[in-house]
């Protein structure tokens, strides 16, 4: 029986990924801050076995305990989905050390803690790491300095996992969704800024994650993968060609 640990599984993308994996026969360990939300997710999945593991993953000790609980309870770890995150719009002029530290801890360090703790199990299984980042990896947008930096760190973590895991058959993917219709999005932006018509459904992101887990996206191993609504695909290609962030421009020049 294949097993998966999904963080941030109490709502939004994490819940949708958990449901997709559970319906595909994976035994699940669901990790997040609120037990009641995780239990609600557990009821939605068709998983053969589900563990509910409340944890504050911004703390290394909690992340290590969650991975320990998952591997002891399920007996293995084939898939790790690092989805736990938090976003808020904080311009540089309003940034504080505390906000920066918290944003990096929740969005980036949590993924690193879980990956480090789960790595021996993933290597043993030739497993899959799926990191849920954001289009802020490519452009942090105004007010997303800390959030974008944290998500970019997840993209680099993905590259490291793909390179170091290659001898054992471990693959790693970083999904970079555009705006997704979740409570996290609406806590930062209302529909006057980002209309619902311009957003993805969590299930659309989960479908890409499941394709990665199934080995259908092996050509994207180690990559940061934009996940956008259909109409945004053409915009993305145009944006890359005309207005890349500095590091993307540098990469293009290095390839020339």
Protein backbone atom coordinates (compact mmCIF):
# COMPACT_ATOMS: atom_id res chain seq x y z
CA UNK A 1 0.00 0.00 0.00
CA UNK A 2 1.41 3.39 -1.02
CA UNK A 3 1.53 6.12 1.59
CA UNK A 4 1.53 9.92 1.53
CA UNK A 5 2.01 12.72 4.03
CA UNK A 6 0.22 15.95 3.13
CA UNK A 7 0.86 19.14 5.09
CA UNK A 8 -1.61 21.99 5.27
CA UNK A 9 -4.24 19.33 4.65
CA UNK A 10 -7.05 21.05 6.55
CA UNK A 11 -8.32 23.19 3.68
CA UNK A 12 -7.71 24.50 0.17
CA UNK A 13 -5.05 22.90 -1.99
CA UNK A 14 -3.86 20.55 0.75
CA UNK A 15 -7.34 19.17 1.23
CA UNK A 16 -7.82 18.73 -2.51
CA UNK A 17 -4.48 16.92 -2.86
CA UNK A 18 -5.32 14.65 0.08
CA UNK A 19 -8.68 13.76 -1.46
CA UNK A 20 -7.06 13.04 -4.84
CA UNK A 21 -4.41 10.80 -3.27
CA UNK A 22 -6.89 9.06 -0.98
CA UNK A 23 -9.21 8.34 -3.89
CA UNK A 24 -6.21 6.87 -5.72
CA UNK A 25 -5.63 4.35 -2.95
CA UNK A 26 -2.94 6.06 -0.89
CA UNK A 27 -2.92 5.71 2.87
CA UNK A 28 -2.66 9.22 4.27
CA UNK A 29 -1.08 11.18 7.07
CA UNK A 30 -2.80 14.57 7.26
CA UNK A 31 -0.84 17.33 8.99
CA UNK A 32 -1.95 20.84 9.90
CA UNK A 33 -2.65 23.19 12.76
CA UNK A 34 -6.31 22.42 13.45
CA UNK A 35 -7.48 18.91 14.26
CA UNK A 36 -11.10 19.59 13.38
CA UNK A 37 -10.15 20.71 9.85
CA UNK A 38 -7.95 17.67 9.34
CA UNK A 39 -10.74 15.39 10.53
CA UNK A 40 -13.11 17.02 8.05
CA UNK A 41 -10.61 16.32 5.27
CA UNK A 42 -10.22 12.73 6.44
CA UNK A 43 -13.96 12.20 6.04
CA UNK A 44 -13.76 13.32 2.40
CA UNK A 45 -11.08 10.89 1.27
CA UNK A 46 -11.48 7.32 0.16
CA UNK A 47 -8.12 6.44 1.67
CA UNK A 48 -7.67 2.89 3.00
CA UNK A 49 -6.10 4.40 6.15
CA UNK A 50 -5.85 7.96 7.44
CA UNK A 51 -3.86 9.47 10.28
CA UNK A 52 -4.69 12.93 11.65
CA UNK A 53 -1.59 14.66 13.02
CA UNK A 54 -2.05 18.24 14.30
CA UNK A 55 1.25 20.14 14.31
CA UNK A 56 2.80 23.57 14.01
CA UNK A 57 5.26 22.85 11.22
CA UNK A 58 7.06 26.15 11.63
CA UNK A 59 8.70 24.44 14.63
CA UNK A 60 11.31 21.83 13.72
CA UNK A 61 10.44 19.62 16.67
CA UNK A 62 6.75 19.53 15.65
CA UNK A 63 7.62 18.73 12.04
CA UNK A 64 9.93 15.92 13.09
CA UNK A 65 7.25 14.50 15.38
CA UNK A 66 4.65 14.66 12.60
CA UNK A 67 6.88 12.74 10.20
CA UNK A 68 7.72 10.24 12.93
CA UNK A 69 4.02 9.74 13.65
CA UNK A 70 3.28 9.27 9.97
CA UNK A 71 6.04 6.76 9.30
CA UNK A 72 5.44 4.79 12.47
CA UNK A 73 1.70 4.73 11.85
CA UNK A 74 1.80 3.93 8.14
CA UNK A 75 5.05 1.98 8.04
CA UNK A 76 6.51 3.84 5.04
CA UNK A 77 6.56 7.15 3.20
CA UNK A 78 6.20 7.15 -0.59
CA UNK A 79 4.98 10.71 -1.15
CA UNK A 80 5.59 13.96 0.72
CA UNK A 81 3.44 16.96 -0.19
CA UNK A 82 4.73 20.17 1.39
CA UNK A 83 1.74 22.46 1.16
CA UNK A 84 1.57 24.20 4.55
CA UNK A 85 1.78 27.94 4.08
CA UNK A 86 0.57 31.39 4.92
CA UNK A 87 0.44 34.52 2.80
CA UNK A 88 -0.03 38.17 3.58
CA UNK A 89 0.64 41.41 1.72
CA UNK A 90 3.38 43.32 3.56
CA UNK A 91 5.24 46.04 1.64
CA UNK A 92 8.94 46.48 2.34
CA UNK A 93 8.20 49.77 4.12
CA UNK A 94 6.05 47.85 6.62
CA UNK A 95 8.20 44.75 6.88
CA UNK A 96 9.52 43.72 10.30
CA UNK A 97 11.99 41.05 11.30
CA UNK A 98 9.19 39.18 13.06
CA UNK A 99 6.99 39.12 9.93
CA UNK A 100 9.93 38.01 7.78
CA UNK A 101 10.91 35.23 10.18
CA UNK A 102 7.35 33.94 10.47
CA UNK A 103 6.76 33.96 6.70
CA UNK A 104 9.96 32.03 6.04
CA UNK A 105 9.27 29.61 8.91
CA UNK A 106 5.74 28.73 7.79
CA UNK A 107 6.30 28.64 4.03
CA UNK A 108 9.90 27.47 3.62
CA UNK A 109 11.39 26.07 6.81
CA UNK A 110 8.36 23.82 7.37
CA UNK A 111 8.97 22.17 4.00
CA UNK A 112 12.66 21.76 4.77
CA UNK A 113 11.98 20.29 8.21
CA UNK A 114 9.54 17.71 6.80
CA UNK A 115 11.82 16.85 3.90
CA UNK A 116 14.84 16.35 6.16
CA UNK A 117 12.87 14.16 8.57
CA UNK A 118 11.25 12.14 5.80
CA UNK A 119 14.28 11.84 3.53
CA UNK A 120 15.51 8.38 4.65
CA UNK A 121 12.03 6.98 4.05
CA UNK A 122 11.68 8.68 0.65
CA UNK A 123 15.09 7.37 -0.45
CA UNK A 124 14.14 3.87 0.65
CA UNK A 125 10.90 4.08 -1.35
CA UNK A 126 12.23 5.92 -4.39
CA UNK A 127 9.52 8.37 -3.49
CA UNK A 128 8.11 11.67 -4.67
CA UNK A 129 8.29 15.16 -3.16
CA UNK A 130 5.70 17.72 -4.27
CA UNK A 131 6.23 21.25 -3.02
CA UNK A 132 3.30 23.65 -3.41
CA UNK A 133 4.74 27.11 -4.03
CA UNK A 134 3.27 30.02 -5.99
CA UNK A 135 3.74 32.12 -9.11
CA UNK A 136 5.46 34.45 -6.64
CA UNK A 137 8.48 32.21 -7.30
CA UNK A 138 8.73 33.97 -10.67
CA UNK A 139 7.52 37.41 -9.63
CA UNK A 140 6.86 38.31 -5.97
CA UNK A 141 4.47 41.11 -6.92
CA UNK A 142 4.24 44.21 -4.76
CA UNK A 143 3.95 43.42 -1.06
CA UNK A 144 5.05 39.80 -1.43
CA UNK A 145 8.78 40.18 -0.71
CA UNK A 146 8.79 37.73 2.21
CA UNK A 147 6.18 35.39 0.75
CA UNK A 148 7.92 35.31 -2.63
CA UNK A 149 11.31 34.69 -1.05
CA UNK A 150 9.89 31.78 0.94
CA UNK A 151 8.28 30.23 -2.12
CA UNK A 152 11.48 30.69 -4.13
CA UNK A 153 13.27 28.79 -1.37
CA UNK A 154 10.82 25.93 -1.93
CA UNK A 155 11.74 25.91 -5.61
CA UNK A 156 15.42 25.58 -4.74
CA UNK A 157 14.62 22.84 -2.23
CA UNK A 158 12.93 21.00 -5.09
CA UNK A 159 16.05 21.19 -7.25
CA UNK A 160 18.17 19.81 -4.39
CA UNK A 161 15.76 16.93 -3.79
CA UNK A 162 15.73 16.02 -7.49
CA UNK A 163 19.53 16.10 -7.77
CA UNK A 164 20.38 14.34 -4.53
CA UNK A 165 17.52 11.88 -4.79
CA UNK A 166 18.25 10.82 -8.37
CA UNK A 167 20.46 7.82 -7.46
CA UNK A 168 17.61 6.40 -5.35
CA UNK A 169 14.88 7.23 -7.88
CA UNK A 170 13.43 10.10 -5.84
CA UNK A 171 11.70 12.74 -7.95
CA UNK A 172 10.65 16.24 -6.88
CA UNK A 173 8.32 18.86 -8.30
CA UNK A 174 7.47 22.43 -7.35
CA UNK A 175 3.98 23.55 -8.35
CA UNK A 176 3.57 27.30 -8.80
CA UNK A 177 -0.14 28.05 -9.00
CA UNK A 178 -1.54 31.41 -9.89
CA UNK A 179 -4.40 32.67 -7.73
CA UNK A 180 -6.33 29.75 -6.24
CA UNK A 181 -9.80 30.17 -4.80
CA UNK A 182 -9.00 29.37 -1.17
CA UNK A 183 -9.48 31.01 2.24
CA UNK A 184 -5.78 31.94 2.11
CA UNK A 185 -6.29 33.93 -1.10
CA UNK A 186 -9.37 35.72 0.20
CA UNK A 187 -7.63 36.63 3.42
CA UNK A 188 -5.32 38.80 1.31
CA UNK A 189 -7.37 39.85 -1.72
CA UNK A 190 -11.07 40.41 -2.31
CA UNK A 191 -12.82 39.90 -5.65
CA UNK A 192 -12.40 43.54 -6.63
CA UNK A 193 -8.65 42.82 -6.87
CA UNK A 194 -8.72 39.19 -8.06
CA UNK A 195 -12.09 38.14 -9.48
CA UNK A 196 -13.18 34.54 -9.07
CA UNK A 197 -13.12 34.17 -12.86
CA UNK A 198 -9.33 34.60 -12.79
CA UNK A 199 -8.67 31.92 -10.16
CA UNK A 200 -7.99 28.21 -10.17
CA UNK A 201 -9.94 25.66 -8.18
CA UNK A 202 -7.89 23.70 -5.63
CA UNK A 203 -8.84 20.52 -7.48
CA UNK A 204 -7.06 21.78 -10.61
CA UNK A 205 -3.81 22.13 -8.68
CA UNK A 206 -4.39 18.73 -7.07
CA UNK A 207 -4.73 17.15 -10.51
CA UNK A 208 -1.25 18.37 -11.46
CA UNK A 209 0.14 17.14 -8.14
CA UNK A 210 -1.39 13.71 -8.74
CA UNK A 211 0.10 13.58 -12.24
CA UNK A 212 3.53 14.26 -10.71
CA UNK A 213 3.03 11.51 -8.13
CA UNK A 214 1.99 9.07 -10.84
CA UNK A 215 5.15 9.76 -12.84
CA UNK A 216 3.30 11.48 -15.67
CA UNK A 217 5.39 14.67 -15.37
CA UNK A 218 8.89 13.19 -15.14
CA UNK A 219 10.20 15.68 -17.67
CA UNK A 220 9.42 18.33 -15.04
CA UNK A 221 11.47 16.63 -12.31
CA UNK A 222 13.26 19.35 -10.33
CA UNK A 223 11.39 22.16 -12.02
CA UNK A 224 9.11 24.93 -10.81
CA UNK A 225 5.92 24.30 -12.79
CA UNK A 226 3.50 27.20 -13.45
CA UNK A 227 -0.11 26.12 -12.89
CA UNK A 228 -2.46 28.66 -14.45
CA UNK A 229 -6.03 28.92 -15.70
CA UNK A 230 -6.28 28.12 -19.40
CA UNK A 231 -6.58 31.73 -20.48
CA UNK A 232 -3.45 32.62 -18.51
CA UNK A 233 -1.22 30.24 -20.44
CA UNK A 234 -0.71 32.67 -23.31
CA UNK A 235 -0.13 35.48 -20.82
CA UNK A 236 2.59 33.44 -19.12
CA UNK A 237 4.51 32.85 -22.33
CA UNK A 238 4.23 36.52 -23.22
CA UNK A 239 5.33 37.57 -19.76
CA UNK A 240 8.39 35.37 -19.88
CA UNK A 241 9.33 36.81 -23.24
CA UNK A 242 8.74 40.47 -22.41
CA UNK A 243 8.97 41.08 -18.67
CA UNK A 244 10.92 38.48 -16.70
CA UNK A 245 12.12 39.07 -13.18
CA UNK A 246 15.81 39.78 -12.88
CA UNK A 247 16.91 36.24 -12.11
CA UNK A 248 14.91 34.87 -15.05
CA UNK A 249 16.52 37.42 -17.36
CA UNK A 250 19.93 36.42 -16.04
CA UNK A 251 19.16 32.76 -16.66
CA UNK A 252 18.12 33.52 -20.26
CA UNK A 253 21.34 35.48 -20.87
CA UNK A 254 23.42 32.63 -19.44
CA UNK A 255 21.80 30.19 -21.84
CA UNK A 256 22.57 32.36 -24.89
